[in-house]
C-alpha atoms as a PDB file:
ATOM      1  CA  MET A   1      -6.434   3.240  11.727  1.00  0.00           C
ATOM      2  CA  ASP A   2      -9.609   3.467   9.682  1.00  0.00           C
ATOM      3  CA  THR A   3     -11.507   0.229   9.242  1.00  0.00           C
ATOM      4  CA  VAL A   4     -14.392  -1.015   7.175  1.00  0.00           C
ATOM      5  CA  THR A   5     -16.707  -3.935   7.949  1.00  0.00           C
ATOM      6  CA  VAL A   6     -17.098  -6.598   5.249  1.00  0.00           C
ATOM      7  CA  ASP A   7     -19.171  -9.711   5.941  1.00  0.00           C
ATOM      8  CA  GLY A   8     -19.103  -8.880   9.640  1.00  0.00           C
ATOM      9  CA  LYS A   9     -15.299  -8.655   9.796  1.00  0.00           C
ATOM     10  CA  GLN A  10     -13.208  -5.538  10.360  1.00  0.00           C
ATOM     11  CA  HIS A  11     -10.640  -4.776   7.656  1.00  0.00           C
ATOM     12  CA  GLU A  12      -8.164  -1.962   7.360  1.00  0.00           C
ATOM     13  CA  LYS A  13      -9.392   0.678   4.928  1.00  0.00           C
ATOM     14  CA  LEU A  14      -7.297   0.741   1.754  1.00  0.00           C
ATOM     15  CA  THR A  15      -5.708   3.931   0.495  1.00  0.00           C
ATOM     16  CA  THR A  16      -4.580   5.316  -2.860  1.00  0.00           C
ATOM     17  CA  ALA A  17      -1.250   5.556  -4.641  1.00  0.00           C
ATOM     18  CA  GLU A  18      -1.525   9.335  -4.346  1.00  0.00           C
ATOM     19  CA  TRP A  19      -1.590   9.047  -0.538  1.00  0.00           C
ATOM     20  CA  VAL A  20       1.442   6.721  -0.599  1.00  0.00           C
ATOM     21  CA  ALA A  21       3.372   9.068  -2.910  1.00  0.00           C
ATOM     22  CA  GLU A  22       2.687  12.010  -0.605  1.00  0.00           C
ATOM     23  CA  LYS A  23       3.568  10.050   2.541  1.00  0.00           C
ATOM     24  CA  MET A  24       6.827   8.744   1.053  1.00  0.00           C
ATOM     25  CA  GLY A  25       7.702  11.920  -0.821  1.00  0.00           C
ATOM     26  CA  ILE A  26       8.311  10.170  -4.131  1.00  0.00           C
ATOM     27  CA  PRO A  27       6.683  10.624  -7.563  1.00  0.00           C
ATOM     28  CA  LEU A  28       3.373   8.895  -8.260  1.00  0.00           C
ATOM     29  CA  PRO A  29       4.699   6.984 -11.307  1.00  0.00           C
ATOM     30  CA  SER A  30       7.371   5.444  -9.067  1.00  0.00           C
ATOM     31  CA  ILE A  31       4.678   4.176  -6.671  1.00  0.00           C
ATOM     32  CA  TYR A  32       2.905   2.383  -9.521  1.00  0.00           C
ATOM     33  CA  ASP A  33       6.220   1.026 -10.824  1.00  0.00           C
ATOM     34  CA  TYR A  34       7.239  -0.317  -7.391  1.00  0.00           C
ATOM     35  CA  ALA A  35       3.811  -1.914  -6.960  1.00  0.00           C
ATOM     36  CA  ARG A  36       3.954  -3.504 -10.416  1.00  0.00           C
ATOM     37  CA  ARG A  37       7.428  -4.908  -9.737  1.00  0.00           C
ATOM     38  CA  GLY A  38       6.383  -6.291  -6.342  1.00  0.00           C
ATOM     39  CA  ILE A  39       8.684  -3.979  -4.403  1.00  0.00           C
ATOM     40  CA  LEU A  40       5.874  -2.094  -2.691  1.00  0.00           C
ATOM     41  CA  PRO A  41       3.075  -4.228  -1.157  1.00  0.00           C
ATOM     42  CA  CYS A  42      -0.303  -3.525  -2.725  1.00  0.00           C
ATOM     43  CA  VAL A  43      -3.795  -4.878  -3.223  1.00  0.00           C
ATOM     44  CA  ARG A  44      -5.216  -5.085  -6.722  1.00  0.00           C
ATOM     45  CA  VAL A  45      -8.948  -4.560  -7.167  1.00  0.00           C
ATOM     46  CA  GLY A  46      -9.555  -5.160 -10.848  1.00  0.00           C
ATOM     47  CA  LYS A  47      -7.447  -2.510 -12.585  1.00  0.00           C
ATOM     48  CA  LEU A  48      -7.159  -0.440  -9.415  1.00  0.00           C
ATOM     49  CA  VAL A  49      -4.122  -0.518  -7.154  1.00  0.00           C
ATOM     50  CA  ARG A  50      -4.699   0.163  -3.475  1.00  0.00           C
ATOM     51  CA  PHE A  51      -2.482   0.005  -0.398  1.00  0.00           C
ATOM     52  CA  ARG A  52      -2.897  -0.931   3.256  1.00  0.00           C
ATOM     53  CA  PRO A  53      -1.474   1.910   5.360  1.00  0.00           C
ATOM     54  CA  SER A  54       0.025  -0.633   7.797  1.00  0.00           C
ATOM     55  CA  ASP A  55       1.888  -2.318   4.898  1.00  0.00           C
ATOM     56  CA  ILE A  56       3.315   1.032   3.824  1.00  0.00           C
ATOM     57  CA  ASP A  57       4.383   1.853   7.395  1.00  0.00           C
ATOM     58  CA  ALA A  58       6.085  -1.559   7.687  1.00  0.00           C
ATOM     59  CA  PHE A  59       7.800  -1.047   4.318  1.00  0.00           C
ATOM     60  CA  ILE A  60       9.191   2.285   5.497  1.00  0.00           C
ATOM     61  CA  THR A  61      10.260   0.796   8.846  1.00  0.00           C
ATOM     62  CA  ARG A  62      12.156  -1.978   7.033  1.00  0.00           C
ATOM     63  CA  GLY A  63      14.007   0.686   5.084  1.00  0.00           C
ATOM     64  CA  GLY A  64      12.190   0.039   1.831  1.00  0.00           C
ATOM     65  CA  SER A  65      13.041  -3.631   1.489  1.00  0.00           C
ATOM     66  CA  LYS A  66      10.650  -6.452   0.667  1.00  0.00           C
ATOM     67  CA  ALA A  67       9.265  -8.526   3.500  1.00  0.00           C
ATOM     68  CA  ALA A  68      10.975 -11.842   4.161  1.00  0.00           C
ATOM     69  CA  GLN A  69       9.251 -14.628   2.281  1.00  0.00           C
END
């Protein structure tokens, strides 16, 4: 897992929607739609949408369902 240090703390490096689409084998517009609808966990940085690889792995492991709230 790639990490980045921010304010002395290690954080998982965020990845792009393109990476998620390739990993999951689904179209890029669907990735953005799932993120917008809250189906796929994401991090918003201004207008940008980024993803934690561990969140995507957990999403796939759960069979594509939302995490329990």
